[in-house]
Amino acid sequence: MQYRYKTRGTCAQEILFELDDDRRVHNIQFVGGCNGNTKGVAVLAEGLTADEIEEKLSGIRCGFKSTSCPDQLALAVQAAVRQATEA
């Protein structure tokens, strides 16, 4: 299923991705943000499970900000898993 997450506190405005039945994340796209960095994060996170993304990316900060694009991806995936579980 495809998900759209509005980010908070980052240069990227939103994150688009798919979550499969095994809770693996695919086709990650950041809208806005640092082009090279967000493309790199998307490629590295491709095919990881929601738990793996949370473990690796949660809490990463960007400079003096309290969050980052990778941290926002972890939050987005957590929200998608909750939404999928409720459905």
PDB file of N, CA and C in Angstrom:
ATOM      1  N   MET A   1       0.840  -1.168   0.000  1.00  0.00           N
ATOM      2  CA  MET A   1       0.000   0.000   0.000  1.00  0.00           C
ATOM      3  C   MET A   1       0.893   1.243   0.000  1.00  0.00           C
ATOM      4  N   GLN A   2       0.461   2.289  -0.681  1.00  0.00           N
ATOM      5  CA  GLN A   2       1.248   3.515  -0.750  1.00  0.00           C
ATOM      6  C   GLN A   2       0.844   4.479   0.366  1.00  0.00           C
ATOM      7  N   TYR A   3       1.854   5.137   0.923  1.00  0.00           N
ATOM      8  CA  TYR A   3       1.640   6.085   2.005  1.00  0.00           C
ATOM      9  C   TYR A   3       2.277   7.426   1.659  1.00  0.00           C
ATOM     10  N   ARG A   4       1.714   8.469   2.229  1.00  0.00           N
ATOM     11  CA  ARG A   4       2.215   9.841   2.079  1.00  0.00           C
ATOM     12  C   ARG A   4       2.309  10.415   3.485  1.00  0.00           C
ATOM     13  N   TYR A   5       3.474  10.936   3.832  1.00  0.00           N
ATOM     14  CA  TYR A   5       3.705  11.471   5.176  1.00  0.00           C
ATOM     15  C   TYR A   5       4.189  12.909   5.064  1.00  0.00           C
ATOM     16  N   LYS A   6       3.486  13.819   5.709  1.00  0.00           N
ATOM     17  CA  LYS A   6       3.901  15.227   5.768  1.00  0.00           C
ATOM     18  C   LYS A   6       4.951  15.369   6.863  1.00  0.00           C
ATOM     19  N   THR A   7       6.132  15.805   6.470  1.00  0.00           N
ATOM     20  CA  THR A   7       7.229  15.922   7.427  1.00  0.00           C
ATOM     21  C   THR A   7       7.089  17.176   8.282  1.00  0.00           C
ATOM     22  N   ARG A   8       7.815  17.187   9.396  1.00  0.00           N
ATOM     23  CA  ARG A   8       7.843  18.335  10.304  1.00  0.00           C
ATOM     24  C   ARG A   8       9.291  18.618  10.677  1.00  0.00           C
ATOM     25  N   GLY A   9       9.716  19.865  10.517  1.00  0.00           N
ATOM     26  CA  GLY A   9      11.039  20.263  10.977  1.00  0.00           C
ATOM     27  C   GLY A   9      12.179  19.953  10.033  1.00  0.00           C
ATOM     28  N   THR A  10      11.876  19.606   8.777  1.00  0.00           N
ATOM     29  CA  THR A  10      12.932  19.317   7.804  1.00  0.00           C
ATOM     30  C   THR A  10      12.704  20.109   6.529  1.00  0.00           C
ATOM     31  N   CYS A  11      13.712  20.124   5.687  1.00  0.00           N
ATOM     32  CA  CYS A  11      13.593  20.793   4.387  1.00  0.00           C
ATOM     33  C   CYS A  11      12.656  20.034   3.455  1.00  0.00           C
ATOM     34  N   ALA A  12      12.631  18.708   3.560  1.00  0.00           N
ATOM     35  CA  ALA A  12      11.699  17.903   2.772  1.00  0.00           C
ATOM     36  C   ALA A  12      10.286  18.166   3.290  1.00  0.00           C
ATOM     37  N   GLN A  13       9.342  18.295   2.371  1.00  0.00           N
ATOM     38  CA  GLN A  13       7.960  18.575   2.768  1.00  0.00           C
ATOM     39  C   GLN A  13       7.147  17.316   3.033  1.00  0.00           C
ATOM     40  N   GLU A  14       7.462  16.241   2.302  1.00  0.00           N
ATOM     41  CA  GLU A  14       6.731  14.991   2.508  1.00  0.00           C
ATOM     42  C   GLU A  14       7.555  13.812   2.006  1.00  0.00           C
ATOM     43  N   ILE A  15       7.104  12.616   2.417  1.00  0.00           N
ATOM     44  CA  ILE A  15       7.759  11.380   2.023  1.00  0.00           C
ATOM     45  C   ILE A  15       6.683  10.444   1.475  1.00  0.00           C
ATOM     46  N   LEU A  16       6.954   9.884   0.315  1.00  0.00           N
ATOM     47  CA  LEU A  16       6.068   8.898  -0.296  1.00  0.00           C
ATOM     48  C   LEU A  16       6.774   7.551  -0.266  1.00  0.00           C
ATOM     49  N   PHE A  17       6.042   6.489   0.031  1.00  0.00           N
ATOM     50  CA  PHE A  17       6.644   5.157   0.054  1.00  0.00           C
ATOM     51  C   PHE A  17       5.545   4.107   0.060  1.00  0.00           C
ATOM     52  N   GLU A  18       5.954   2.877  -0.187  1.00  0.00           N
ATOM     53  CA  GLU A  18       5.045   1.739  -0.129  1.00  0.00           C
ATOM     54  C   GLU A  18       5.471   0.825   1.003  1.00  0.00           C
ATOM     55  N   LEU A  19       4.492   0.226   1.646  1.00  0.00           N
ATOM     56  CA  LEU A  19       4.732  -0.735   2.721  1.00  0.00           C
ATOM     57  C   LEU A  19       4.044  -2.032   2.313  1.00  0.00           C
ATOM     58  N   ASP A  20       4.818  -3.127   2.189  1.00  0.00           N
ATOM     59  CA  ASP A  20       4.209  -4.379   1.756  1.00  0.00           C
ATOM     60  C   ASP A  20       3.692  -5.170   2.956  1.00  0.00           C
ATOM     61  N   ASP A  21       3.146  -6.335   2.684  1.00  0.00           N
ATOM     62  CA  ASP A  21       2.538  -7.162   3.742  1.00  0.00           C
ATOM     63  C   ASP A  21       3.550  -7.661   4.768  1.00  0.00           C
ATOM     64  N   ASP A  22       4.824  -7.713   4.371  1.00  0.00           N
ATOM     65  CA  ASP A  22       5.883  -8.137   5.284  1.00  0.00           C
ATOM     66  C   ASP A  22       6.503  -6.953   6.030  1.00  0.00           C
ATOM     67  N   ARG A  23       5.866  -5.791   5.906  1.00  0.00           N
ATOM     68  CA  ARG A  23       6.329  -4.543   6.531  1.00  0.00           C
ATOM     69  C   ARG A  23       7.694  -4.107   6.002  1.00  0.00           C
ATOM     70  N   ARG A  24       7.930  -4.401   4.731  1.00  0.00           N
ATOM     71  CA  ARG A  24       9.135  -3.912   4.052  1.00  0.00           C
ATOM     72  C   ARG A  24       8.771  -2.655   3.266  1.00  0.00           C
ATOM     73  N   VAL A  25       9.703  -1.727   3.252  1.00  0.00           N
ATOM     74  CA  VAL A  25       9.455  -0.420   2.635  1.00  0.00           C
ATOM     75  C   VAL A  25      10.084  -0.382   1.244  1.00  0.00           C
ATOM     76  N   HIS A  26       9.324   0.174   0.290  1.00  0.00           N
ATOM     77  CA  HIS A  26       9.766   0.231  -1.108  1.00  0.00           C
ATOM     78  C   HIS A  26       9.414   1.584  -1.722  1.00  0.00           C
ATOM     79  N   ASN A  27      10.115   1.908  -2.798  1.00  0.00           N
ATOM     80  CA  ASN A  27       9.818   3.090  -3.619  1.00  0.00           C
ATOM     81  C   ASN A  27       9.739   4.379  -2.807  1.00  0.00           C
ATOM     82  N   ILE A  28      10.743   4.615  -1.995  1.00  0.00           N
ATOM     83  CA  ILE A  28      10.785   5.796  -1.130  1.00  0.00           C
ATOM     84  C   ILE A  28      11.137   7.020  -1.964  1.00  0.00           C
ATOM     85  N   GLN A  29      10.362   8.082  -1.797  1.00  0.00           N
ATOM     86  CA  GLN A  29      10.626   9.341  -2.483  1.00  0.00           C
ATOM     87  C   GLN A  29      10.430  10.491  -1.491  1.00  0.00           C
ATOM     88  N   PHE A  30      11.417  11.346  -1.403  1.00  0.00           N
ATOM     89  CA  PHE A  30      11.307  12.558  -0.594  1.00  0.00           C
ATOM     90  C   PHE A  30      10.914  13.699  -1.524  1.00  0.00           C
ATOM     91  N   VAL A  31      10.003  14.524  -1.092  1.00  0.00           N
ATOM     92  CA  VAL A  31       9.624  15.713  -1.848  1.00  0.00           C
ATOM     93  C   VAL A  31      10.314  16.891  -1.174  1.00  0.00           C
ATOM     94  N   GLY A  32      11.275  17.484  -1.881  1.00  0.00           N
ATOM     95  CA  GLY A  32      12.081  18.550  -1.305  1.00  0.00           C
ATOM     96  C   GLY A  32      13.266  17.961  -0.549  1.00  0.00           C
ATOM     97  N   GLY A  33      13.947  18.817   0.155  1.00  0.00           N
ATOM     98  CA  GLY A  33      15.111  18.369   0.910  1.00  0.00           C
ATOM     99  C   GLY A  33      16.370  18.389   0.074  1.00  0.00           C
ATOM    100  N   CYS A  34      17.461  17.943   0.655  1.00  0.00           N
ATOM    101  CA  CYS A  34      18.757  17.887  -0.025  1.00  0.00           C
ATOM    102  C   CYS A  34      18.740  16.704  -0.995  1.00  0.00           C
ATOM    103  N   ASN A  35      18.711  16.987  -2.262  1.00  0.00           N
ATOM    104  CA  ASN A  35      18.484  15.974  -3.292  1.00  0.00           C
ATOM    105  C   ASN A  35      19.386  14.749  -3.160  1.00  0.00           C
ATOM    106  N   GLY A  36      20.673  14.945  -3.083  1.00  0.00           N
ATOM    107  CA  GLY A  36      21.593  13.806  -2.993  1.00  0.00           C
ATOM    108  C   GLY A  36      21.407  13.010  -1.718  1.00  0.00           C
ATOM    109  N   ASN A  37      21.251  13.708  -0.606  1.00  0.00           N
ATOM    110  CA  ASN A  37      21.094  13.022   0.683  1.00  0.00           C
ATOM    111  C   ASN A  37      19.802  12.218   0.743  1.00  0.00           C
ATOM    112  N   THR A  38      18.704  12.811   0.299  1.00  0.00           N
ATOM    113  CA  THR A  38      17.430  12.090   0.373  1.00  0.00           C
ATOM    114  C   THR A  38      17.399  10.908  -0.589  1.00  0.00           C
ATOM    115  N   LYS A  39      18.029  11.064  -1.766  1.00  0.00           N
ATOM    116  CA  LYS A  39      18.111   9.927  -2.691  1.00  0.00           C
ATOM    117  C   LYS A  39      18.958   8.814  -2.085  1.00  0.00           C
ATOM    118  N   GLY A  40      20.038   9.185  -1.404  1.00  0.00           N
ATOM    119  CA  GLY A  40      20.888   8.194  -0.753  1.00  0.00           C
ATOM    120  C   GLY A  40      20.160   7.444   0.342  1.00  0.00           C
ATOM    121  N   VAL A  41      19.444   8.168   1.184  1.00  0.00           N
ATOM    122  CA  VAL A  41      18.672   7.532   2.262  1.00  0.00           C
ATOM    123  C   VAL A  41      17.633   6.595   1.658  1.00  0.00           C
ATOM    124  N   ALA A  42      16.958   7.040   0.605  1.00  0.00           N
ATOM    125  CA  ALA A  42      15.921   6.226  -0.028  1.00  0.00           C
ATOM    126  C   ALA A  42      16.499   4.918  -0.568  1.00  0.00           C
ATOM    127  N   VAL A  43      17.645   4.983  -1.214  1.00  0.00           N
ATOM    128  CA  VAL A  43      18.269   3.777  -1.769  1.00  0.00           C
ATOM    129  C   VAL A  43      18.726   2.845  -0.647  1.00  0.00           C
ATOM    130  N   LEU A  44      19.335   3.402   0.380  1.00  0.00           N
ATOM    131  CA  LEU A  44      19.825   2.571   1.479  1.00  0.00           C
ATOM    132  C   LEU A  44      18.703   1.919   2.280  1.00  0.00           C
ATOM    133  N   ALA A  45      17.559   2.577   2.371  1.00  0.00           N
ATOM    134  CA  ALA A  45      16.444   2.042   3.145  1.00  0.00           C
ATOM    135  C   ALA A  45      15.542   1.112   2.328  1.00  0.00           C
ATOM    136  N   GLU A  46      15.720   1.091   1.020  1.00  0.00           N
ATOM    137  CA  GLU A  46      14.889   0.258   0.141  1.00  0.00           C
ATOM    138  C   GLU A  46      14.929  -1.203   0.587  1.00  0.00           C
ATOM    139  N   GLY A  47      13.742  -1.772   0.792  1.00  0.00           N
ATOM    140  CA  GLY A  47      13.624  -3.184   1.139  1.00  0.00           C
ATOM    141  C   GLY A  47      13.815  -3.519   2.603  1.00  0.00           C
ATOM    142  N   LEU A  48      14.190  -2.537   3.412  1.00  0.00           N
ATOM    143  CA  LEU A  48      14.326  -2.792   4.842  1.00  0.00           C
ATOM    144  C   LEU A  48      12.950  -2.934   5.480  1.00  0.00           C
ATOM    145  N   THR A  49      12.886  -3.630   6.594  1.00  0.00           N
ATOM    146  CA  THR A  49      11.623  -3.719   7.330  1.00  0.00           C
ATOM    147  C   THR A  49      11.403  -2.428   8.108  1.00  0.00           C
ATOM    148  N   ALA A  50      10.183  -2.229   8.530  1.00  0.00           N
ATOM    149  CA  ALA A  50       9.855  -1.065   9.347  1.00  0.00           C
ATOM    150  C   ALA A  50      10.713  -1.039  10.609  1.00  0.00           C
ATOM    151  N   ASP A  51      10.909  -2.190  11.230  1.00  0.00           N
ATOM    152  CA  ASP A  51      11.731  -2.262  12.449  1.00  0.00           C
ATOM    153  C   ASP A  51      13.187  -1.892  12.172  1.00  0.00           C
ATOM    154  N   GLU A  52      13.726  -2.360  11.046  1.00  0.00           N
ATOM    155  CA  GLU A  52      15.106  -2.034  10.691  1.00  0.00           C
ATOM    156  C   GLU A  52      15.277  -0.538  10.446  1.00  0.00           C
ATOM    157  N   ILE A  53      14.311   0.067   9.781  1.00  0.00           N
ATOM    158  CA  ILE A  53      14.380   1.504   9.525  1.00  0.00           C
ATOM    159  C   ILE A  53      14.320   2.272  10.834  1.00  0.00           C
ATOM    160  N   GLU A  54      13.410   1.885  11.709  1.00  0.00           N
ATOM    161  CA  GLU A  54      13.304   2.553  13.007  1.00  0.00           C
ATOM    162  C   GLU A  54      14.616   2.422  13.788  1.00  0.00           C
ATOM    163  N   GLU A  55      15.183   1.230  13.805  1.00  0.00           N
ATOM    164  CA  GLU A  55      16.420   0.990  14.551  1.00  0.00           C
ATOM    165  C   GLU A  55      17.585   1.821  14.005  1.00  0.00           C
ATOM    166  N   LYS A  56      17.692   1.916  12.692  1.00  0.00           N
ATOM    167  CA  LYS A  56      18.837   2.581  12.080  1.00  0.00           C
ATOM    168  C   LYS A  56      18.695   4.097  11.976  1.00  0.00           C
ATOM    169  N   LEU A  57      17.470   4.601  11.798  1.00  0.00           N
ATOM    170  CA  LEU A  57      17.289   6.011  11.450  1.00  0.00           C
ATOM    171  C   LEU A  57      16.663   6.885  12.535  1.00  0.00           C
ATOM    172  N   SER A  58      15.978   6.294  13.494  1.00  0.00           N
ATOM    173  CA  SER A  58      15.327   7.096  14.543  1.00  0.00           C
ATOM    174  C   SER A  58      16.357   7.878  15.341  1.00  0.00           C
ATOM    175  N   GLY A  59      16.031   9.132  15.578  1.00  0.00           N
ATOM    176  CA  GLY A  59      16.867   9.957  16.431  1.00  0.00           C
ATOM    177  C   GLY A  59      17.998  10.684  15.734  1.00  0.00           C
ATOM    178  N   ILE A  60      18.197  10.436  14.443  1.00  0.00           N
ATOM    179  CA  ILE A  60      19.236  11.168  13.714  1.00  0.00           C
ATOM    180  C   ILE A  60      18.822  12.627  13.616  1.00  0.00           C
ATOM    181  N   ARG A  61      19.756  13.511  13.901  1.00  0.00           N
ATOM    182  CA  ARG A  61      19.474  14.946  13.870  1.00  0.00           C
ATOM    183  C   ARG A  61      20.217  15.592  12.715  1.00  0.00           C
ATOM    184  N   CYS A  62      19.682  16.693  12.238  1.00  0.00           N
ATOM    185  CA  CYS A  62      20.302  17.467  11.164  1.00  0.00           C
ATOM    186  C   CYS A  62      20.763  18.797  11.770  1.00  0.00           C
ATOM    187  N   GLY A  63      22.058  18.923  11.974  1.00  0.00           N
ATOM    188  CA  GLY A  63      22.584  20.152  12.572  1.00  0.00           C
ATOM    189  C   GLY A  63      21.980  20.385  13.938  1.00  0.00           C
ATOM    190  N   PHE A  64      21.417  21.575  14.116  1.00  0.00           N
ATOM    191  CA  PHE A  64      20.814  21.929  15.399  1.00  0.00           C
ATOM    192  C   PHE A  64      19.329  21.586  15.465  1.00  0.00           C
ATOM    193  N   LYS A  65      18.789  21.005  14.412  1.00  0.00           N
ATOM    194  CA  LYS A  65      17.370  20.617  14.407  1.00  0.00           C
ATOM    195  C   LYS A  65      17.186  19.381  15.284  1.00  0.00           C
ATOM    196  N   SER A  66      15.990  19.208  15.774  1.00  0.00           N
ATOM    197  CA  SER A  66      15.703  18.057  16.631  1.00  0.00           C
ATOM    198  C   SER A  66      15.337  16.818  15.819  1.00  0.00           C
ATOM    199  N   THR A  67      15.355  16.925  14.502  1.00  0.00           N
ATOM    200  CA  THR A  67      14.988  15.820  13.617  1.00  0.00           C
ATOM    201  C   THR A  67      15.813  15.909  12.345  1.00  0.00           C
ATOM    202  N   SER A  68      15.540  15.028  11.397  1.00  0.00           N
ATOM    203  CA  SER A  68      16.223  15.009  10.103  1.00  0.00           C
ATOM    204  C   SER A  68      15.330  14.262   9.124  1.00  0.00           C
ATOM    205  N   CYS A  69      15.708  14.261   7.858  1.00  0.00           N
ATOM    206  CA  CYS A  69      14.948  13.483   6.877  1.00  0.00           C
ATOM    207  C   CYS A  69      14.969  11.986   7.203  1.00  0.00           C
ATOM    208  N   PRO A  70      16.108  11.395   7.582  1.00  0.00           N
ATOM    209  CA  PRO A  70      16.082   9.983   7.973  1.00  0.00           C
ATOM    210  C   PRO A  70      15.184   9.729   9.189  1.00  0.00           C
ATOM    211  N   ASP A  71      15.235  10.608  10.182  1.00  0.00           N
ATOM    212  CA  ASP A  71      14.376  10.475  11.362  1.00  0.00           C
ATOM    213  C   ASP A  71      12.909  10.581  10.963  1.00  0.00           C
ATOM    214  N   GLN A  72      12.586  11.492  10.056  1.00  0.00           N
ATOM    215  CA  GLN A  72      11.217  11.637   9.596  1.00  0.00           C
ATOM    216  C   GLN A  72      10.757  10.399   8.834  1.00  0.00           C
ATOM    217  N   LEU A  73      11.666   9.756   8.096  1.00  0.00           N
ATOM    218  CA  LEU A  73      11.307   8.502   7.427  1.00  0.00           C
ATOM    219  C   LEU A  73      10.957   7.444   8.464  1.00  0.00           C
ATOM    220  N   ALA A  74      11.727   7.349   9.529  1.00  0.00           N
ATOM    221  CA  ALA A  74      11.420   6.390  10.590  1.00  0.00           C
ATOM    222  C   ALA A  74      10.046   6.670  11.186  1.00  0.00           C
ATOM    223  N   LEU A  75       9.733   7.938  11.431  1.00  0.00           N
ATOM    224  CA  LEU A  75       8.413   8.297  11.964  1.00  0.00           C
ATOM    225  C   LEU A  75       7.308   7.969  10.968  1.00  0.00           C
ATOM    226  N   ALA A  76       7.569   8.216   9.683  1.00  0.00           N
ATOM    227  CA  ALA A  76       6.584   7.940   8.638  1.00  0.00           C
ATOM    228  C   ALA A  76       6.263   6.452   8.570  1.00  0.00           C
ATOM    229  N   VAL A  77       7.286   5.633   8.644  1.00  0.00           N
ATOM    230  CA  VAL A  77       7.097   4.185   8.576  1.00  0.00           C
ATOM    231  C   VAL A  77       6.354   3.684   9.806  1.00  0.00           C
ATOM    232  N   GLN A  78       6.686   4.227  10.974  1.00  0.00           N
ATOM    233  CA  GLN A  78       5.967   3.854  12.197  1.00  0.00           C
ATOM    234  C   GLN A  78       4.478   4.177  12.058  1.00  0.00           C
ATOM    235  N   ALA A  79       4.169   5.358  11.524  1.00  0.00           N
ATOM    236  CA  ALA A  79       2.774   5.767  11.333  1.00  0.00           C
ATOM    237  C   ALA A  79       2.065   4.848  10.346  1.00  0.00           C
ATOM    238  N   ALA A  80       2.761   4.454   9.283  1.00  0.00           N
ATOM    239  CA  ALA A  80       2.168   3.566   8.289  1.00  0.00           C
ATOM    240  C   ALA A  80       1.875   2.189   8.884  1.00  0.00           C
ATOM    241  N   VAL A  81       2.781   1.687   9.704  1.00  0.00           N
ATOM    242  CA  VAL A  81       2.549   0.378  10.345  1.00  0.00           C
ATOM    243  C   VAL A  81       1.334   0.464  11.258  1.00  0.00           C
ATOM    244  N   ARG A  82       1.224   1.540  12.021  1.00  0.00           N
ATOM    245  CA  ARG A  82       0.037   1.711  12.894  1.00  0.00           C
ATOM    246  C   ARG A  82      -1.222   1.754  12.052  1.00  0.00           C
ATOM    247  N   GLN A  83      -1.192   2.507  10.963  1.00  0.00           N
ATOM    248  CA  GLN A  83      -2.359   2.630  10.097  1.00  0.00           C
ATOM    249  C   GLN A  83      -2.718   1.275   9.477  1.00  0.00           C
ATOM    250  N   ALA A  84      -1.735   0.529   9.035  1.00  0.00           N
ATOM    251  CA  ALA A  84      -1.984  -0.783   8.425  1.00  0.00           C
ATOM    252  C   ALA A  84      -2.546  -1.771   9.448  1.00  0.00           C
ATOM    253  N   THR A  85      -2.081  -1.664  10.683  1.00  0.00           N
ATOM    254  CA  THR A  85      -2.537  -2.552  11.743  1.00  0.00           C
ATOM    255  C   THR A  85      -3.994  -2.275  12.099  1.00  0.00           C
ATOM    256  N   GLU A  86      -4.380  -1.001  12.045  1.00  0.00           N
ATOM    257  CA  GLU A  86      -5.746  -0.602  12.385  1.00  0.00           C
ATOM    258  C   GLU A  86      -6.740  -0.958  11.287  1.00  0.00           C
ATOM    259  N   ALA A  87      -6.256  -1.103  10.060  1.00  0.00           N
ATOM    260  CA  ALA A  87      -7.151  -1.345   8.929  1.00  0.00           C
ATOM    261  C   ALA A  87      -7.678  -2.752   8.901  1.00  0.00           C
TER     262      ALA A  87
END
